[in-house]
Amino acid sequence: SFFFLLSTFRRFYFSPIYPIMASTNTKVTLPEYKYGDELIATAKAIVAPGKGILAADESTGTIGKRFSAINVENNRENRRAYRHLLFTTKDIGKSISGAITFEETLFETTEDGKTSFVDLMKAAGIIPGIKVDKGTRHIPFTDAETYTQGLTDLDLRCKKYYEAGARFAKWRNVLRISSNTPSEQAIVDCAQTLASYAAICQDNGLVPIVEPEILMDGDHDIATCQFITEKVLGAVYKALNQHNVLLEGTLLKPNMVCSGAECPVQADAKAVATATVRALQRTVPAAVPGVVFLSGGQTEESATVNLHYMNALDLGARPWRLSFSYGRALQKSCLAVWQGKTENVEAAQEALLVRANANGAATAGKYDGGAATATATESNYQANYTY
């Protein structure tokens, strides 16, 4: 009858993950996503309109380099004070939906021990996240290419992080462009590792942010970067499909398509936006809710302007939200103002808020250039950058 057909139509087309159909003779085991609805909701919340991610996941060594630049000692007390500054910035939740943390920060408390940093983030409207990779190592018999380690005990750590309040994770694989890199070996390793990581995260309740970063190092032009970016992203999404990863419960954190840092002709912001969106259109499925770009050594201002043009220009269909997951490009001005001094906390928080709001505006293609301070236009580029 009509009503039977209507009922079947609804069951088939409106299931959030897989259609619920009557059993047939064909026995195919479909993946079961214990946290499926939660993963989808979290991913959507992270890329809510006007919001993006604060990447505050610097390792103890990396934050030490940041502190060294402003003559601040790298100890737990100062690390806690700085991250406390970030998470207690007034109105930060209006532009920041999530924060990636290092393990120490996820389990940190305020100085009096009464409030966890997870609760600080939640009070600000920020979803806690966690960096879960354990750094890179050299792939033997390649031209200084690397793989990322950390899969062995990832399931156990994800359980622990979820229990602590984290709801998403980040894992970074690194590739670089040269006359003979990235090799096919490195691309396949990158894709398969990210897919394994993503599946393990989802099985334990964490939205995986998939980060295949192509470094800015090199003298390649923007066309070369676009070509390689498409090859890498194509391989990544093939691997995610092979591992049965629920795309609606993931986010992508790629590099923008830029000229190499040593290229004599640097593409402008509109060219970067056009090439980046085109690379995504050719490779990223519409099921992915959002793309949260890494800044990759760009200045604070250029990272914002490039994101603005991706959303402002008429570049065709963009079925995913285009947002940000910035570390250096959100924090450089803040650190420069803070200088490790209590009396500078409010001014440093204001500097952070300025950049966060600028990037929030850029996600809607509405950034007006008002945050272009001298510090914001200073380079953040470091060759062979590691976290």
Foldseek 3Di string as FASTA:
>chain_A
DVVVVVVQVCQQPPDPFGRDDDDDPDDDDADDQPQVVVLLVLLCQQLDALAHEAEAADDLVRVCVLLVVLVHHSDPVLSLVVVLLQLQQPLLLNHYQEYEYEPCQLQDAPPVRPGHVLVSNVVNNYAYEYEQWDWWDADPPDDRAIAIDGLPCSLVVLLVSVVSRHQAYEYEHEWEDDPCPPDPVSLLRLQQVLLSNQLSNSNNRHAYAREYEYALADQAALVVLLVVLLVSLQSNVVNNVVSSHQQSSYEYEYEQRWGRPNHPDTDALLVSLLSRQVSCVNHPDLSHAAYAYEDNFAFLLSSLSSLLNNQADPNDDDSHQYAHHYHCSQQQQLSVQPSSDPVSSNVSSVLNSLSSSSRSCSSNSRRDSPNDDPRRRDTRHDPPDDD
